[in-house]
Amino acid sequence: MKKYSLIIHLLFLTVAQIALAGTDGTIRGRITNVDQSPLPGAQVYIPELEQGAIADFDGN
């Protein structure tokens, strides 16, 4: 029972952390390579705004 209780608590904390992370703004655009092909999973961070994003499958 202790094992299940620990798993449930860890799951709750993980879900709560994700829910509270939220977003403070929007970064829009498309990430491409030199051939204009999308770069899925590319990460962008703008230090001045302290904002970051990860591109989806289409580079958006």
N, C-alpha and C. Protein backbone atom coordinates (compact mmCIF):
# COMPACT_ATOMS: atom_id res chain seq x y z
N MET A 1 0.82 -1.19 0.00
CA MET A 1 0.00 0.00 0.00
C MET A 1 0.87 1.26 0.00
N LYS A 2 2.01 1.20 0.72
CA LYS A 2 2.91 2.35 0.75
C LYS A 2 3.43 2.67 -0.65
N LYS A 3 3.71 1.61 -1.40
CA LYS A 3 4.24 1.79 -2.75
C LYS A 3 3.23 2.52 -3.63
N TYR A 4 1.96 2.12 -3.56
CA TYR A 4 0.92 2.77 -4.36
C TYR A 4 0.71 4.21 -3.91
N SER A 5 0.78 4.45 -2.63
CA SER A 5 0.63 5.81 -2.11
C SER A 5 1.74 6.72 -2.63
N LEU A 6 2.96 6.23 -2.64
CA LEU A 6 4.09 7.01 -3.14
C LEU A 6 3.92 7.29 -4.63
N ILE A 7 3.51 6.30 -5.39
CA ILE A 7 3.30 6.48 -6.83
C ILE A 7 2.20 7.51 -7.09
N ILE A 8 1.12 7.43 -6.35
CA ILE A 8 0.02 8.38 -6.52
C ILE A 8 0.47 9.80 -6.18
N HIS A 9 1.23 9.96 -5.10
CA HIS A 9 1.72 11.28 -4.72
C HIS A 9 2.67 11.85 -5.78
N LEU A 10 3.57 11.03 -6.29
CA LEU A 10 4.49 11.49 -7.32
C LEU A 10 3.75 11.86 -8.61
N LEU A 11 2.76 11.08 -8.96
CA LEU A 11 1.95 11.38 -10.14
C LEU A 11 1.21 12.70 -9.96
N PHE A 12 0.63 12.91 -8.80
CA PHE A 12 -0.08 14.16 -8.51
C PHE A 12 0.85 15.35 -8.59
N LEU A 13 2.04 15.23 -8.00
CA LEU A 13 3.00 16.34 -8.04
C LEU A 13 3.45 16.64 -9.46
N THR A 14 3.64 15.61 -10.26
CA THR A 14 4.04 15.81 -11.65
C THR A 14 2.94 16.52 -12.44
N VAL A 15 1.71 16.07 -12.29
CA VAL A 15 0.59 16.69 -13.00
C VAL A 15 0.40 18.13 -12.53
N ALA A 16 0.51 18.37 -11.24
CA ALA A 16 0.36 19.73 -10.71
C ALA A 16 1.44 20.65 -11.25
N GLN A 17 2.66 20.17 -11.34
CA GLN A 17 3.76 20.98 -11.84
C GLN A 17 3.52 21.35 -13.31
N ILE A 18 3.06 20.42 -14.10
CA ILE A 18 2.79 20.69 -15.51
C ILE A 18 1.65 21.70 -15.64
N ALA A 19 0.61 21.54 -14.83
CA ALA A 19 -0.53 22.44 -14.90
C ALA A 19 -0.16 23.86 -14.47
N LEU A 20 0.71 23.99 -13.50
CA LEU A 20 1.10 25.31 -13.00
C LEU A 20 2.16 25.98 -13.86
N ALA A 21 2.81 25.23 -14.73
CA ALA A 21 3.86 25.81 -15.57
C ALA A 21 3.29 26.90 -16.46
N GLY A 22 2.18 26.62 -17.13
CA GLY A 22 1.49 27.61 -17.94
C GLY A 22 2.38 28.30 -18.96
N THR A 23 1.82 29.34 -19.55
CA THR A 23 2.56 30.15 -20.51
C THR A 23 2.30 31.61 -20.22
N ASP A 24 3.29 32.44 -20.51
CA ASP A 24 3.16 33.87 -20.30
C ASP A 24 3.07 34.63 -21.61
N GLY A 25 3.20 33.96 -22.72
CA GLY A 25 3.18 34.64 -24.00
C GLY A 25 3.14 33.64 -25.14
N THR A 26 3.30 34.17 -26.34
CA THR A 26 3.25 33.34 -27.52
C THR A 26 4.45 33.64 -28.41
N ILE A 27 5.09 32.60 -28.87
CA ILE A 27 6.16 32.72 -29.86
C ILE A 27 5.63 32.10 -31.13
N ARG A 28 5.63 32.87 -32.20
CA ARG A 28 5.10 32.37 -33.47
C ARG A 28 6.18 32.42 -34.54
N GLY A 29 6.07 31.50 -35.47
CA GLY A 29 7.00 31.47 -36.58
C GLY A 29 7.22 30.05 -37.06
N ARG A 30 8.13 29.91 -37.98
CA ARG A 30 8.45 28.58 -38.51
C ARG A 30 9.96 28.42 -38.53
N ILE A 31 10.44 27.29 -38.07
CA ILE A 31 11.86 27.01 -38.01
C ILE A 31 12.21 26.09 -39.18
N THR A 32 13.13 26.56 -40.02
CA THR A 32 13.53 25.77 -41.19
C THR A 32 15.05 25.73 -41.28
N ASN A 33 15.54 24.77 -42.07
CA ASN A 33 16.98 24.71 -42.34
C ASN A 33 17.27 25.50 -43.61
N VAL A 34 18.48 25.42 -44.11
CA VAL A 34 18.87 26.20 -45.29
C VAL A 34 18.10 25.79 -46.55
N ASP A 35 17.55 24.58 -46.56
CA ASP A 35 16.76 24.10 -47.70
C ASP A 35 15.27 24.42 -47.55
N GLN A 36 14.93 25.22 -46.55
CA GLN A 36 13.54 25.58 -46.24
C GLN A 36 12.69 24.39 -45.80
N SER A 37 13.33 23.32 -45.33
CA SER A 37 12.62 22.17 -44.77
C SER A 37 12.38 22.42 -43.29
N PRO A 38 11.20 22.05 -42.77
CA PRO A 38 10.92 22.27 -41.35
C PRO A 38 11.85 21.46 -40.45
N LEU A 39 12.14 22.01 -39.28
CA LEU A 39 12.99 21.33 -38.30
C LEU A 39 12.13 20.95 -37.09
N PRO A 40 11.52 19.77 -37.12
CA PRO A 40 10.70 19.35 -35.99
C PRO A 40 11.53 19.15 -34.73
N GLY A 41 11.01 19.61 -33.60
CA GLY A 41 11.67 19.43 -32.32
C GLY A 41 12.75 20.46 -32.02
N ALA A 42 12.95 21.42 -32.92
CA ALA A 42 13.96 22.45 -32.67
C ALA A 42 13.52 23.32 -31.49
N GLN A 43 14.47 23.73 -30.67
CA GLN A 43 14.18 24.56 -29.50
C GLN A 43 14.63 25.98 -29.75
N VAL A 44 13.79 26.93 -29.33
CA VAL A 44 14.10 28.35 -29.46
C VAL A 44 13.96 28.98 -28.08
N TYR A 45 14.92 29.82 -27.72
CA TYR A 45 14.84 30.53 -26.44
C TYR A 45 15.25 31.98 -26.68
N ILE A 46 14.44 32.91 -26.20
CA ILE A 46 14.73 34.34 -26.31
C ILE A 46 15.05 34.85 -24.91
N PRO A 47 16.33 35.03 -24.60
CA PRO A 47 16.74 35.41 -23.24
C PRO A 47 16.13 36.73 -22.76
N GLU A 48 15.99 37.71 -23.65
CA GLU A 48 15.45 39.00 -23.24
C GLU A 48 14.02 38.88 -22.74
N LEU A 49 13.26 37.96 -23.30
CA LEU A 49 11.87 37.74 -22.90
C LEU A 49 11.72 36.60 -21.91
N GLU A 50 12.79 35.85 -21.73
CA GLU A 50 12.76 34.64 -20.90
C GLU A 50 11.64 33.71 -21.36
N GLN A 51 11.53 33.55 -22.68
CA GLN A 51 10.51 32.70 -23.30
C GLN A 51 11.19 31.67 -24.19
N GLY A 52 10.65 30.50 -24.20
CA GLY A 52 11.17 29.45 -25.05
C GLY A 52 10.04 28.63 -25.64
N ALA A 53 10.35 27.88 -26.68
CA ALA A 53 9.35 27.04 -27.33
C ALA A 53 10.06 25.90 -28.05
N ILE A 54 9.30 24.87 -28.34
CA ILE A 54 9.80 23.72 -29.10
C ILE A 54 8.91 23.57 -30.32
N ALA A 55 9.53 23.42 -31.49
CA ALA A 55 8.79 23.30 -32.74
C ALA A 55 8.06 21.97 -32.82
N ASP A 56 6.90 21.99 -33.47
CA ASP A 56 6.16 20.76 -33.69
C ASP A 56 6.69 20.05 -34.94
N PHE A 57 5.96 19.06 -35.43
CA PHE A 57 6.40 18.25 -36.57
C PHE A 57 6.62 19.08 -37.83
N ASP A 58 5.84 20.17 -37.98
CA ASP A 58 5.94 21.03 -39.17
C ASP A 58 6.89 22.20 -38.98
N GLY A 59 7.61 22.25 -37.88
CA GLY A 59 8.53 23.34 -37.62
C GLY A 59 7.87 24.59 -37.08
N ASN A 60 6.60 24.51 -36.73
CA ASN A 60 5.88 25.66 -36.17
C ASN A 60 6.07 25.74 -34.67
